[in-house]
């Protein structure tokens, strides 16, 4: 397993954390203290703001989990990957996206640039 794969596994562990304590630990394991996360819906920095953004998404989509969609591709300190937000009830994935991450020297994520590829139509 590559450093890119390991970083992405920790990323998904944070997004799929079951409770606040697990989320705080997973965010600390996955992200540097001053990590940034930017997508069309959020622009945050630091562990507390990251945990709040993740918690907000979990509250918006209860009963859903994030899973990878395809392989992780990386070079130098950059990696990109796609993901889906999957409903436990029926396996549908109404939301999907692609993220580009930058890794710090310690292997944690220092920045995320996220893109929404599929979103539900209201």
Protein backbone atom coordinates (compact mmCIF):
# COMPACT_ATOMS: atom_id res chain seq x y z
CA UNK A 1 0.00 0.00 0.00
CA UNK A 2 1.34 3.42 -0.91
CA UNK A 3 1.50 6.53 1.27
CA UNK A 4 -1.25 7.94 -0.94
CA UNK A 5 -3.54 4.96 -0.24
CA UNK A 6 -2.84 5.18 3.49
CA UNK A 7 -3.65 8.91 3.56
CA UNK A 8 -6.90 8.33 1.68
CA UNK A 9 -7.86 5.50 4.06
CA UNK A 10 -7.38 7.86 7.01
CA UNK A 11 -9.42 10.49 5.12
CA UNK A 12 -12.36 8.10 4.75
CA UNK A 13 -12.03 7.04 8.40
CA UNK A 14 -12.60 10.67 9.36
CA UNK A 15 -15.57 11.13 7.04
CA UNK A 16 -17.14 7.89 8.31
CA UNK A 17 -16.44 8.37 12.03
CA UNK A 18 -19.35 7.12 14.15
CA UNK A 19 -19.25 9.71 16.96
CA UNK A 20 -17.61 12.95 18.04
CA UNK A 21 -14.72 11.30 19.91
CA UNK A 22 -13.91 8.99 16.99
CA UNK A 23 -14.20 11.94 14.60
CA UNK A 24 -11.74 14.07 16.61
CA UNK A 25 -9.21 11.21 16.69
CA UNK A 26 -9.65 10.43 13.00
CA UNK A 27 -9.28 14.09 11.98
CA UNK A 28 -6.06 14.36 14.03
CA UNK A 29 -4.72 11.17 12.41
CA UNK A 30 -5.63 12.21 8.86
CA UNK A 31 -4.95 15.96 8.78
CA UNK A 32 -2.21 18.34 9.87
CA UNK A 33 -3.20 20.87 12.53
CA UNK A 34 -3.53 23.70 9.98
CA UNK A 35 -4.96 21.62 7.12
CA UNK A 36 -7.36 23.31 4.73
CA UNK A 37 -10.45 21.82 3.14
CA UNK A 38 -12.11 23.61 0.22
CA UNK A 39 -15.03 22.41 -1.88
CA UNK A 40 -18.09 24.16 -3.36
CA UNK A 41 -19.86 24.03 0.04
CA UNK A 42 -17.03 24.60 2.54
CA UNK A 43 -13.77 26.45 3.02
CA UNK A 44 -12.26 25.60 6.40
CA UNK A 45 -8.91 25.38 8.19
CA UNK A 46 -7.79 23.37 11.21
CA UNK A 47 -9.00 20.31 13.08
CA UNK A 48 -11.99 21.91 14.79
CA UNK A 49 -13.37 23.39 11.56
CA UNK A 50 -12.71 20.16 9.65
CA UNK A 51 -14.56 18.12 12.28
CA UNK A 52 -17.47 20.58 12.15
CA UNK A 53 -17.67 20.35 8.33
CA UNK A 54 -17.60 16.55 8.44
CA UNK A 55 -20.19 16.44 11.22
CA UNK A 56 -22.42 18.78 9.22
CA UNK A 57 -22.27 16.48 6.19
CA UNK A 58 -23.05 13.47 8.38
CA UNK A 59 -26.09 15.26 9.84
CA UNK A 60 -27.27 16.25 6.36
CA UNK A 61 -27.00 12.64 5.15
CA UNK A 62 -27.80 10.33 8.10
CA UNK A 63 -27.40 6.66 7.30
CA UNK A 64 -24.88 7.35 4.53
CA UNK A 65 -21.17 6.58 4.33
CA UNK A 66 -18.35 7.69 2.09
CA UNK A 67 -16.54 5.08 0.00
CA UNK A 68 -13.80 5.29 -2.61
CA UNK A 69 -14.81 5.07 -6.25
CA UNK A 70 -11.77 3.80 -8.10
CA UNK A 71 -8.06 3.86 -7.43
CA UNK A 72 -5.95 6.56 -5.81
CA UNK A 73 -3.53 8.26 -8.20
CA UNK A 74 -0.57 10.18 -6.86
CA UNK A 75 2.76 11.78 -7.55
CA UNK A 76 5.14 13.84 -5.43
CA UNK A 77 3.02 15.21 -2.56
CA UNK A 78 -0.27 15.15 -4.50
CA UNK A 79 -2.97 12.51 -4.78
CA UNK A 80 -6.38 12.43 -6.38
CA UNK A 81 -9.28 10.09 -5.89
CA UNK A 82 -13.01 9.84 -6.42
CA UNK A 83 -15.65 8.96 -3.86
CA UNK A 84 -19.36 8.28 -3.46
CA UNK A 85 -21.78 8.96 -0.63
CA UNK A 86 -23.72 5.71 -0.24
CA UNK A 87 -27.05 5.08 1.48
CA UNK A 88 -26.97 2.10 3.87
CA UNK A 89 -30.67 1.46 3.20
CA UNK A 90 -30.50 0.75 -0.54
CA UNK A 91 -26.89 1.19 -1.69
CA UNK A 92 -27.73 4.20 -3.84
CA UNK A 93 -25.06 6.87 -4.21
CA UNK A 94 -26.78 10.20 -4.90
CA UNK A 95 -23.62 12.24 -4.28
CA UNK A 96 -20.18 11.69 -5.79
CA UNK A 97 -17.05 13.75 -6.08
CA UNK A 98 -13.34 13.92 -6.68
CA UNK A 99 -10.70 15.29 -4.33
CA UNK A 100 -7.09 16.33 -4.70
CA UNK A 101 -5.01 16.18 -1.53
CA UNK A 102 -1.56 17.45 -0.61
CA UNK A 103 0.47 15.39 1.82
CA UNK A 104 2.76 16.81 4.48
CA UNK A 105 6.12 15.23 5.32
CA UNK A 106 4.50 13.13 8.05
CA UNK A 107 2.00 11.61 5.58
CA UNK A 108 -1.00 13.50 6.88
CA UNK A 109 -3.11 15.69 4.61
CA UNK A 110 -2.27 19.39 4.58
CA UNK A 111 -4.90 20.44 2.04
CA UNK A 112 -7.95 19.12 0.22
CA UNK A 113 -9.47 20.59 -2.93
CA UNK A 114 -12.83 18.92 -3.45
CA UNK A 115 -15.18 18.81 -6.42
CA UNK A 116 -18.78 17.62 -6.53
CA UNK A 117 -19.33 15.47 -9.61
CA UNK A 118 -22.90 14.36 -8.86
CA UNK A 119 -25.43 15.98 -6.54
CA UNK A 120 -29.14 15.36 -6.01
CA UNK A 121 -31.51 17.60 -7.90
CA UNK A 122 -34.00 19.29 -5.60
